[in-house]
């Protein structure tokens, strides 16, 4: 089994700080779920669940990003401390050796380049863990995510997971050790 360095607990970019989750992030994290496209998985259900309190309990019991070598980190603006989303590495549809980059931003944060900026920091950190390849899975209808991934040096693989209900899942990949745009 290959051993990887731990994924950093904090990443800093010019405008952003990616850090570990705190229980106080539950309300903002739940807010992301309320904004998701109706075709996305993990949305707030008809009964309003998960609630903020349920998300807080979940963050306390299973903080995201605690698996060695991986991590989903909240993104906040360095100038204001405003929570704008999250970005990091997860097994997701990938594997521990070739994890998936994942990111999600609040709608108010779209169009400012935050996903690309955070994604670049995560790709560099992933390379520093010793990883050789990253994956990303994107629903065929999610054009903004495709643009971010292309800026990060990802390209479409030949792999597609068909899903007529929510839209096909397109597998993107990036070899590490190669420059981004």
Protein backbone atom coordinates (compact mmCIF):
# COMPACT_ATOMS: atom_id res chain seq x y z
CA UNK A 1 0.00 0.00 0.00
CA UNK A 2 1.29 3.44 -0.93
CA UNK A 3 1.73 5.91 1.90
CA UNK A 4 0.77 9.54 1.33
CA UNK A 5 1.54 12.68 3.26
CA UNK A 6 -1.39 14.18 5.12
CA UNK A 7 -3.51 16.70 3.31
CA UNK A 8 -2.90 20.12 4.95
CA UNK A 9 -5.27 21.36 7.63
CA UNK A 10 -5.11 24.83 6.08
CA UNK A 11 -4.35 26.26 2.65
CA UNK A 12 -3.88 29.95 1.92
CA UNK A 13 -4.24 31.66 -1.43
CA UNK A 14 -4.12 35.33 -2.30
CA UNK A 15 -7.79 35.84 -1.38
CA UNK A 16 -8.89 32.65 0.36
CA UNK A 17 -8.27 30.48 3.39
CA UNK A 18 -9.23 26.82 3.33
CA UNK A 19 -9.38 25.38 6.85
CA UNK A 20 -10.82 22.56 8.95
CA UNK A 21 -14.56 22.45 9.64
CA UNK A 22 -16.06 23.80 12.85
CA UNK A 23 -19.53 23.00 14.23
CA UNK A 24 -20.39 26.67 13.66
CA UNK A 25 -20.11 26.01 9.88
CA UNK A 26 -23.29 23.89 9.97
CA UNK A 27 -25.68 26.68 8.96
CA UNK A 28 -23.55 27.78 5.99
CA UNK A 29 -22.95 24.17 4.94
CA UNK A 30 -26.68 23.47 5.05
CA UNK A 31 -27.21 26.63 3.00
CA UNK A 32 -25.20 25.04 0.18
CA UNK A 33 -27.63 22.10 0.21
CA UNK A 34 -30.62 24.44 -0.14
CA UNK A 35 -29.11 26.03 -3.27
CA UNK A 36 -28.32 22.82 -5.13
CA UNK A 37 -29.78 22.08 -8.51
CA UNK A 38 -32.89 19.88 -8.19
CA UNK A 39 -31.05 17.13 -10.10
CA UNK A 40 -28.24 17.00 -7.52
CA UNK A 41 -27.96 14.42 -4.79
CA UNK A 42 -27.90 15.39 -1.12
CA UNK A 43 -30.51 18.10 -1.02
CA UNK A 44 -32.77 19.25 1.78
CA UNK A 45 -35.74 16.86 1.80
CA UNK A 46 -39.44 17.72 1.95
CA UNK A 47 -39.32 17.56 5.76
CA UNK A 48 -36.49 20.12 5.91
CA UNK A 49 -33.84 17.57 6.76
CA UNK A 50 -31.08 17.60 7.50
CA UNK A 51 -31.65 20.48 9.87
CA UNK A 52 -28.90 22.85 10.95
CA UNK A 53 -28.68 21.01 14.26
CA UNK A 54 -28.39 17.63 12.51
CA UNK A 55 -25.60 19.02 10.33
CA UNK A 56 -23.85 20.46 13.40
CA UNK A 57 -24.02 17.06 15.13
CA UNK A 58 -22.71 15.40 11.97
CA UNK A 59 -19.77 17.84 11.73
CA UNK A 60 -18.94 17.22 15.40
CA UNK A 61 -19.09 13.41 15.03
CA UNK A 62 -17.56 13.12 11.54
CA UNK A 63 -15.63 16.26 10.67
CA UNK A 64 -15.08 16.40 6.92
CA UNK A 65 -11.49 16.09 5.95
CA UNK A 66 -10.21 13.97 8.82
CA UNK A 67 -9.10 10.98 6.74
CA UNK A 68 -5.29 11.03 6.39
CA UNK A 69 -4.22 12.22 2.97
CA UNK A 70 -7.64 13.64 2.11
CA UNK A 71 -9.77 16.56 3.14
CA UNK A 72 -12.72 18.75 2.23
CA UNK A 73 -12.02 22.20 3.61
CA UNK A 74 -14.36 25.16 4.05
CA UNK A 75 -13.37 28.18 1.95
CA UNK A 76 -13.52 31.60 3.49
CA UNK A 77 -12.47 34.98 2.17
CA UNK A 78 -9.31 36.14 3.91
CA UNK A 79 -10.41 39.79 3.98
CA UNK A 80 -13.82 39.24 5.62
CA UNK A 81 -13.85 35.66 6.95
CA UNK A 82 -17.05 35.06 4.92
CA UNK A 83 -17.79 31.37 4.26
CA UNK A 84 -18.10 30.90 0.49
CA UNK A 85 -18.05 27.10 0.08
CA UNK A 86 -15.70 24.14 0.30
CA UNK A 87 -13.01 22.45 -1.78
CA UNK A 88 -10.74 19.48 -1.27
CA UNK A 89 -10.07 15.83 -1.88
CA UNK A 90 -12.43 12.96 -1.21
CA UNK A 91 -12.66 9.34 -2.25
CA UNK A 92 -16.07 10.11 -3.80
CA UNK A 93 -16.23 8.26 -7.09
CA UNK A 94 -12.43 7.87 -7.15
CA UNK A 95 -10.16 5.95 -4.79
CA UNK A 96 -7.81 6.72 -1.93
CA UNK A 97 -4.83 6.50 -4.32
CA UNK A 98 -6.55 8.58 -7.02
CA UNK A 99 -9.04 10.77 -5.14
CA UNK A 100 -11.65 13.10 -6.48
CA UNK A 101 -11.42 16.87 -6.22
CA UNK A 102 -14.71 18.28 -4.99
CA UNK A 103 -15.90 21.84 -4.60
CA UNK A 104 -19.12 23.71 -4.07
CA UNK A 105 -19.65 27.43 -3.67
CA UNK A 106 -22.57 29.48 -2.42
CA UNK A 107 -24.36 31.17 -5.29
CA UNK A 108 -23.37 34.59 -3.96
CA UNK A 109 -19.73 33.56 -4.50
CA UNK A 110 -20.11 32.44 -8.13
CA UNK A 111 -18.30 34.38 -10.83
CA UNK A 112 -15.38 35.62 -8.72
CA UNK A 113 -12.84 32.90 -9.55
CA UNK A 114 -12.93 31.44 -6.04
CA UNK A 115 -13.48 27.84 -7.20
CA UNK A 116 -10.50 28.04 -9.55
CA UNK A 117 -8.30 29.70 -6.92
CA UNK A 118 -9.21 27.16 -4.23
CA UNK A 119 -8.95 24.30 -6.75
CA UNK A 120 -5.40 25.30 -7.70
CA UNK A 121 -4.37 25.21 -4.04
CA UNK A 122 -5.98 21.77 -3.63
CA UNK A 123 -4.30 20.38 -6.77
CA UNK A 124 -0.90 21.60 -5.49
CA UNK A 125 -1.57 20.13 -2.05
CA UNK A 126 -2.68 16.83 -3.62
CA UNK A 127 0.58 16.64 -5.52
CA UNK A 128 2.48 17.34 -2.29
CA UNK A 129 0.78 14.30 -0.67
CA UNK A 130 2.45 12.11 -3.31
CA UNK A 131 -0.62 11.49 -5.45
CA UNK A 132 -0.09 10.97 -9.20
CA UNK A 133 -3.63 11.52 -10.54
CA UNK A 134 -6.87 13.21 -9.55
CA UNK A 135 -10.41 12.64 -10.76
CA UNK A 136 -13.51 14.80 -10.84
CA UNK A 137 -17.04 13.78 -11.68
CA UNK A 138 -19.42 16.35 -13.10
CA UNK A 139 -23.02 16.10 -14.24
CA UNK A 140 -23.29 16.74 -17.98
CA UNK A 141 -25.41 19.86 -17.36
CA UNK A 142 -22.92 21.58 -15.02
CA UNK A 143 -21.09 23.88 -17.47
CA UNK A 144 -19.53 26.13 -14.78
CA UNK A 145 -17.81 23.13 -13.14
CA UNK A 146 -16.42 22.01 -16.50
CA UNK A 147 -14.91 25.49 -16.99
CA UNK A 148 -13.26 25.40 -13.54
CA UNK A 149 -11.84 21.92 -14.13
CA UNK A 150 -10.47 22.88 -17.55
CA UNK A 151 -8.68 25.86 -15.95
CA UNK A 152 -7.20 23.41 -13.44
CA UNK A 153 -5.80 21.21 -16.20
CA UNK A 154 -8.42 18.43 -16.08
CA UNK A 155 -9.60 16.77 -19.27
CA UNK A 156 -12.43 14.39 -20.10
CA UNK A 157 -11.67 10.73 -19.77
CA UNK A 158 -13.48 8.05 -21.76
CA UNK A 159 -15.51 7.18 -18.69
CA UNK A 160 -19.18 8.18 -18.33
CA UNK A 161 -21.63 6.92 -15.73
CA UNK A 162 -25.06 7.03 -17.32
CA UNK A 163 -27.87 8.48 -15.23
CA UNK A 164 -31.01 9.40 -17.21
CA UNK A 165 -32.71 10.76 -14.08
CA UNK A 166 -30.06 13.24 -12.85
CA UNK A 167 -27.84 13.57 -15.92
CA UNK A 168 -24.84 11.52 -16.95
CA UNK A 169 -21.75 11.75 -14.77
CA UNK A 170 -18.71 12.77 -16.83
CA UNK A 171 -15.34 11.65 -15.46
CA UNK A 172 -12.56 14.22 -15.73
CA UNK A 173 -8.94 13.47 -14.83
CA UNK A 174 -5.64 15.23 -14.30
CA UNK A 175 -2.15 13.80 -14.08
CA UNK A 176 -0.21 15.55 -11.34
CA UNK A 177 3.18 17.05 -11.99
CA UNK A 178 1.87 18.95 -15.04
CA UNK A 179 1.26 22.71 -15.08
CA UNK A 180 -2.20 24.29 -15.10
CA UNK A 181 -3.10 27.20 -17.37
